Each structure stands twice: as structure tokens, then as C-alpha cells.
Amino acid sequence: MKITLIKQLNNTFKIAFDSDYEKARKIKVNEPYEFDFKNVRNPKFHRKFFALLNMVFQNQEMYKNIEHLRRQLTIESGYYDLSVTIHGEEIKEPKSISFSNMDNTEFSDFYNAVLATIVTYFHFDKQDIIDNVGQFY
């Protein structure tokens, strides 16, 4: 069972979302529990990444498919796994950016790496990108 908690200043935790209250009611009072924690990803930040991707896609002519652009930006930003074909060739495969694979910190690092890659390869002005991404999400 997963629930999202927010740490308070007094070192107690409160339930973050109404949808988690019913789950939390199943936790017994005065019983020890062990929790793993990770910083969950902000869905708005996820949308911001796809707004960035859409903006770049609409302002370039090299890629005719936005998924190909996403894959290449991911690889060029250093987020890939190497696999080997049956012929011994190494292939770079983009890592997943799903919510279950990256926490907020990892996704922020990924976003900044992609932004730097866009500036480098497409020669777009970084501040222009930052200023304009807000129009897309």
C-alpha cells in the first residue's frame, strides 16, 4: 500500500491527498510500521517537460515524429542504457522517464540536461526557451 505524506515542522507527517485517507485508515494505531520514502514527482513538472518537447518540435524541421525527437533528446542528454544486438553492435536506448522510474530530483536533473541539449543542438536561446515554455502548459 502506498500513501503520500508531507513532513511537518514538528517532525510529524500528514496525509498529502484526500485519496490516501481511506488507505491510511487501515494502518493500526500504536503499531510499528516501516516506510520507504522518495520524493514523488510533480505532475506539473512532467507537463512542463512535454510543453518543452512540443515547443521544440514545432520549431524544428529535422524530426517528423515527436516521439523520435523525445528519444533522441533523452539519449543525447545522457539518459540511456546500452544494449548489444545479436551482431555485436551497441545501441543506445533511452531510459524511461515514467513516474515510477524517476523521483522529482532525478526528473529535474533530466529536464535540465534536456534543456542544455536543446540549446546545444538546436541553437535556441536558453532564456527564450524558459520564457516561452509557459505558453505551452
Protein backbone atom coordinates (compact mmCIF):
# COMPACT_ATOMS: atom_id res chain seq x y z
CA MET A 1 0.00 0.00 0.00
CA LYS A 2 1.30 3.45 -0.91
CA ILE A 3 0.25 6.75 0.57
CA THR A 4 1.79 10.16 0.13
CA LEU A 5 2.82 12.03 3.26
CA ILE A 6 4.04 15.57 3.94
CA LYS A 7 6.53 16.18 6.74
CA GLN A 8 5.51 18.93 9.16
CA LEU A 9 7.86 21.26 11.05
CA ASN A 10 7.31 19.29 14.26
CA ASN A 11 8.60 16.09 12.58
CA THR A 12 5.16 14.54 12.23
CA PHE A 13 3.63 13.52 8.93
CA LYS A 14 0.25 14.33 7.47
CA ILE A 15 -1.56 12.71 4.57
CA ALA A 16 -0.98 14.67 1.36
CA PHE A 17 -4.03 13.73 -0.70
CA ASP A 18 -7.67 13.06 0.12
CA SER A 19 -7.45 9.86 -1.90
CA ASP A 20 -4.96 8.46 0.65
CA TYR A 21 -7.16 8.92 3.73
CA GLU A 22 -9.04 5.66 3.20
CA LYS A 23 -5.76 3.76 2.85
CA ALA A 24 -4.36 5.41 5.97
CA ARG A 25 -7.37 4.32 8.00
CA LYS A 26 -6.16 0.72 7.52
CA ILE A 27 -2.95 1.48 9.43
CA LYS A 28 -3.31 0.36 13.04
CA VAL A 29 -2.65 2.84 15.84
CA ASN A 30 0.40 2.23 18.06
CA GLU A 31 1.80 -0.44 15.75
CA PRO A 32 5.28 -0.11 14.27
CA TYR A 33 5.48 0.28 10.52
CA GLU A 34 8.44 0.73 8.23
CA PHE A 35 8.12 3.20 5.39
CA ASP A 36 10.33 3.65 2.34
CA PHE A 37 10.27 7.19 1.10
CA LYS A 38 11.05 9.02 -2.09
CA ASN A 39 10.28 12.47 -3.33
CA VAL A 40 7.31 11.92 -5.63
CA ARG A 41 7.25 13.67 -8.94
CA ASN A 42 5.23 16.77 -9.51
CA PRO A 43 2.77 16.20 -12.39
CA LYS A 44 3.02 19.89 -13.34
CA PHE A 45 6.75 19.47 -13.88
CA HIS A 46 6.05 16.43 -16.06
CA ARG A 47 3.65 18.55 -18.16
CA LYS A 48 6.31 21.26 -18.34
CA PHE A 49 8.73 18.78 -19.90
CA PHE A 50 6.20 17.82 -22.55
CA ALA A 51 5.45 21.50 -23.17
CA LEU A 52 9.19 21.97 -23.76
CA LEU A 53 9.23 18.99 -26.09
CA ASN A 54 6.22 20.29 -28.05
CA MET A 55 7.74 23.74 -28.35
CA VAL A 56 10.99 22.35 -29.73
CA PHE A 57 9.13 20.00 -32.07
CA GLN A 58 7.10 22.88 -33.51
CA ASN A 59 10.23 24.97 -34.07
CA GLN A 60 12.47 22.48 -35.85
CA GLU A 61 12.36 20.65 -39.19
CA MET A 62 14.64 17.67 -38.61
CA TYR A 63 12.12 15.37 -36.90
CA LYS A 64 8.72 14.48 -38.34
CA ASN A 65 7.74 12.45 -35.26
CA ILE A 66 7.72 13.92 -31.76
CA GLU A 67 8.47 10.54 -30.19
CA HIS A 68 11.69 10.28 -32.21
CA LEU A 69 12.64 13.75 -31.01
CA ARG A 70 11.95 12.77 -27.38
CA ARG A 71 14.02 9.61 -27.71
CA GLN A 72 16.97 11.44 -29.28
CA LEU A 73 16.91 14.27 -26.74
CA THR A 74 16.84 11.70 -23.95
CA ILE A 75 19.81 9.82 -25.39
CA GLU A 76 21.83 12.96 -26.21
CA SER A 77 21.23 14.18 -22.65
CA GLY A 78 22.93 11.06 -21.31
CA TYR A 79 19.82 9.18 -20.15
CA TYR A 80 20.19 5.89 -21.95
CA ASP A 81 21.05 2.24 -21.48
CA LEU A 82 23.41 0.38 -23.78
CA SER A 83 22.28 -2.86 -25.31
CA VAL A 84 24.03 -5.13 -27.76
CA THR A 85 22.44 -6.54 -30.89
CA ILE A 86 22.85 -10.13 -31.96
CA HIS A 87 25.54 -8.83 -34.34
CA GLY A 88 27.51 -7.25 -31.50
CA GLU A 89 26.52 -3.65 -32.25
CA GLU A 90 25.94 -1.35 -29.30
CA ILE A 91 22.64 0.51 -29.32
CA LYS A 92 21.68 3.39 -27.05
CA GLU A 93 18.14 3.04 -25.76
CA PRO A 94 16.51 5.96 -23.93
CA LYS A 95 15.73 5.38 -20.27
CA SER A 96 12.14 5.55 -19.12
CA ILE A 97 11.01 8.84 -17.59
CA SER A 98 7.90 7.35 -16.04
CA PHE A 99 6.81 8.41 -12.56
CA SER A 100 7.83 5.04 -11.15
CA ASN A 101 11.36 5.29 -12.55
CA MET A 102 12.34 8.83 -11.55
CA ASP A 103 11.69 10.88 -8.46
CA ASN A 104 11.39 14.67 -8.57
CA THR A 105 15.12 15.29 -8.13
CA GLU A 106 16.10 12.85 -10.88
CA PHE A 107 13.46 14.30 -13.19
CA SER A 108 14.69 17.84 -12.51
CA ASP A 109 18.25 16.78 -13.43
CA PHE A 110 16.89 15.11 -16.57
CA TYR A 111 14.87 18.22 -17.52
CA ASN A 112 17.91 20.48 -17.14
CA ALA A 113 20.08 18.10 -19.17
CA VAL A 114 17.49 18.04 -21.97
CA LEU A 115 17.25 21.83 -21.88
CA ALA A 116 21.05 22.09 -22.24
CA THR A 117 20.96 19.58 -25.11
CA ILE A 118 18.30 21.62 -26.90
CA VAL A 119 20.38 24.79 -26.55
CA THR A 120 23.48 22.98 -27.84
CA TYR A 121 21.98 21.10 -30.81
CA PHE A 122 19.22 23.44 -31.95
CA HIS A 123 21.00 26.69 -31.06
CA PHE A 124 17.91 28.08 -29.34
CA ASP A 125 18.41 30.77 -26.70
CA LYS A 126 18.01 29.23 -23.25
CA GLN A 127 16.21 32.21 -21.76
CA ASP A 128 13.83 32.35 -24.73
CA ILE A 129 13.01 28.70 -24.17
CA ILE A 130 12.38 29.24 -20.46
CA ASP A 131 10.23 32.30 -21.18
CA ASN A 132 8.18 30.56 -23.86
CA VAL A 133 7.61 27.14 -22.29
CA GLY A 134 4.95 28.70 -20.05
CA GLN A 135 2.80 29.37 -23.12
CA PHE A 136 2.55 25.66 -23.86
CA TYR A 137 1.39 24.25 -20.50
